[in-house]
Structure formats: structure tokens, C-alpha cells
Amino acid sequence: MSKNCVYSLLKKVPKGKVTTYKELAKACGLHPRVVGMFMRINQDPENIPCYKVIHSDGRVGGYSKGVEKKIELLKKDGIEIKNSRINLKKYLFKF
């Protein structure tokens, strides 16, 4: 059930916004590391956009298809990345 909660909420993050492991964890009653595990095992990144999940300090973090690909997808969504960080005041989506 908790994996479904995380994936369901993640699908609601609009284009041009990101969320954090911490935000997803809080919304689903989980630990942020559990959210990270769900991102790693995501079998459907086309429909469950795990590239939109970043660290709570704005760092981009890892991605199954490589950090470069994650940055490319984020920029394609219109998100600015400076010094490997995203401005959460501007781009954070909260549940």
C-alpha cells in the first residue's frame, strides 16, 4: 500500500515542479529512505516520474538512467538548476 501511495502522489506533481523524498515520506507516513527505495525499484519511469524527486536541501540526487538524464528531464520541465541544486522556494510541490 505505501508504494502505491508514493507512486500515486508522485504522478500528481505538475510539470515545472519537484518534490522531495521527505515530502513524499511525510504525506505517506514513511521514512524518506523508504521513498528512495521505491524510486530505485520503479519499473515504470515513463508514468511514475521519479526524476521529479530530489533531496530536501535542493540537491538533484541520483537517477536510474543517470544524473545527466535526470537533469535533462528537469530542465525540459522548465526547472533551473544552479550548482547542482534546485531552488525549492520556487519549484517545490507540497502535498
Protein backbone atom coordinates (compact mmCIF):
# COMPACT_ATOMS: atom_id res chain seq x y z
CA MET A 1 0.00 0.00 0.00
CA SER A 2 2.73 2.51 0.87
CA LYS A 3 4.41 2.09 -2.52
CA ASN A 4 1.07 2.83 -4.17
CA CYS A 5 0.73 5.97 -2.04
CA VAL A 6 4.17 7.23 -3.09
CA TYR A 7 3.66 6.48 -6.78
CA SER A 8 0.13 7.91 -6.79
CA LEU A 9 1.24 11.19 -5.20
CA LEU A 10 4.29 11.44 -7.44
CA LYS A 11 2.04 11.34 -10.51
CA LYS A 12 0.34 14.49 -9.17
CA VAL A 13 3.50 16.62 -9.24
CA PRO A 14 2.87 19.04 -12.11
CA LYS A 15 5.30 19.90 -14.87
CA GLY A 16 7.71 22.56 -13.68
CA LYS A 17 7.66 21.37 -10.07
CA VAL A 18 9.62 18.87 -7.99
CA THR A 19 9.07 17.22 -4.65
CA THR A 20 11.43 15.76 -2.09
CA TYR A 21 11.89 12.34 -0.55
CA LYS A 22 10.91 13.97 2.75
CA GLU A 23 7.66 15.49 1.38
CA LEU A 24 6.57 12.18 -0.14
CA ALA A 25 7.52 10.32 3.03
CA LYS A 26 5.58 12.72 5.24
CA ALA A 27 2.49 12.50 3.02
CA CYS A 28 2.54 8.69 3.06
CA GLY A 29 3.68 8.16 6.65
CA LEU A 30 7.04 6.67 5.69
CA HIS A 31 10.75 7.28 6.20
CA PRO A 32 12.45 9.20 3.35
CA ARG A 33 14.82 6.28 2.73
CA VAL A 34 11.84 4.04 2.02
CA VAL A 35 10.74 6.56 -0.61
CA GLY A 36 14.25 6.40 -2.08
CA MET A 37 13.98 2.61 -2.27
CA PHE A 38 10.67 2.93 -4.12
CA MET A 39 12.31 5.32 -6.59
CA ARG A 40 15.12 2.80 -7.20
CA ILE A 41 12.70 -0.06 -7.89
CA ASN A 42 10.36 1.99 -10.08
CA GLN A 43 9.69 -0.20 -13.11
CA ASP A 44 7.70 2.46 -14.99
CA PRO A 45 9.64 5.76 -15.01
CA GLU A 46 7.66 6.96 -18.04
CA ASN A 47 4.43 7.04 -15.99
CA ILE A 48 5.86 7.40 -12.49
CA PRO A 49 8.20 10.40 -12.86
CA CYS A 50 10.80 9.60 -10.21
CA TYR A 51 13.15 12.17 -11.77
CA LYS A 52 11.00 14.81 -10.03
CA VAL A 53 12.12 13.64 -6.57
CA ILE A 54 15.10 15.48 -5.11
CA HIS A 55 16.83 15.90 -1.74
CA SER A 56 15.28 18.28 0.79
CA ASP A 57 18.30 20.59 0.50
CA GLY A 58 17.69 21.02 -3.24
CA ARG A 59 20.38 18.62 -4.46
CA VAL A 60 19.35 16.73 -7.57
CA GLY A 61 20.43 13.28 -6.36
CA GLY A 62 20.63 10.06 -8.34
CA TYR A 63 18.52 8.56 -11.08
CA SER A 64 18.32 5.08 -12.59
CA LYS A 65 19.14 6.43 -16.05
CA GLY A 66 21.97 8.62 -14.75
CA VAL A 67 22.14 12.06 -13.16
CA GLU A 68 22.73 13.71 -16.53
CA LYS A 69 19.44 12.30 -17.80
CA LYS A 70 17.65 13.46 -14.65
CA ILE A 71 19.00 16.99 -15.11
CA GLU A 72 17.97 16.90 -18.78
CA LEU A 73 14.40 15.89 -17.86
CA LEU A 74 14.17 18.52 -15.13
CA LYS A 75 15.40 21.25 -17.47
CA LYS A 76 12.93 20.07 -20.11
CA ASP A 77 10.20 20.66 -17.49
CA GLY A 78 11.47 24.24 -17.11
CA ILE A 79 13.31 23.77 -13.83
CA GLU A 80 16.50 25.78 -13.34
CA ILE A 81 19.46 24.01 -11.78
CA LYS A 82 22.32 26.06 -10.37
CA ASN A 83 25.37 24.47 -8.75
CA SER A 84 23.61 21.07 -8.86
CA ARG A 85 20.74 22.44 -6.77
CA ILE A 86 17.14 23.42 -7.35
CA ASN A 87 15.54 26.43 -5.67
CA LEU A 88 12.86 24.80 -3.52
CA LYS A 89 11.17 28.11 -2.75
CA LYS A 90 10.40 28.38 -6.45
CA TYR A 91 9.91 24.77 -7.57
CA LEU A 92 8.78 22.67 -4.57
CA PHE A 93 5.39 20.98 -4.80
CA LYS A 94 3.88 20.08 -1.43
CA PHE A 95 1.08 17.60 -0.85
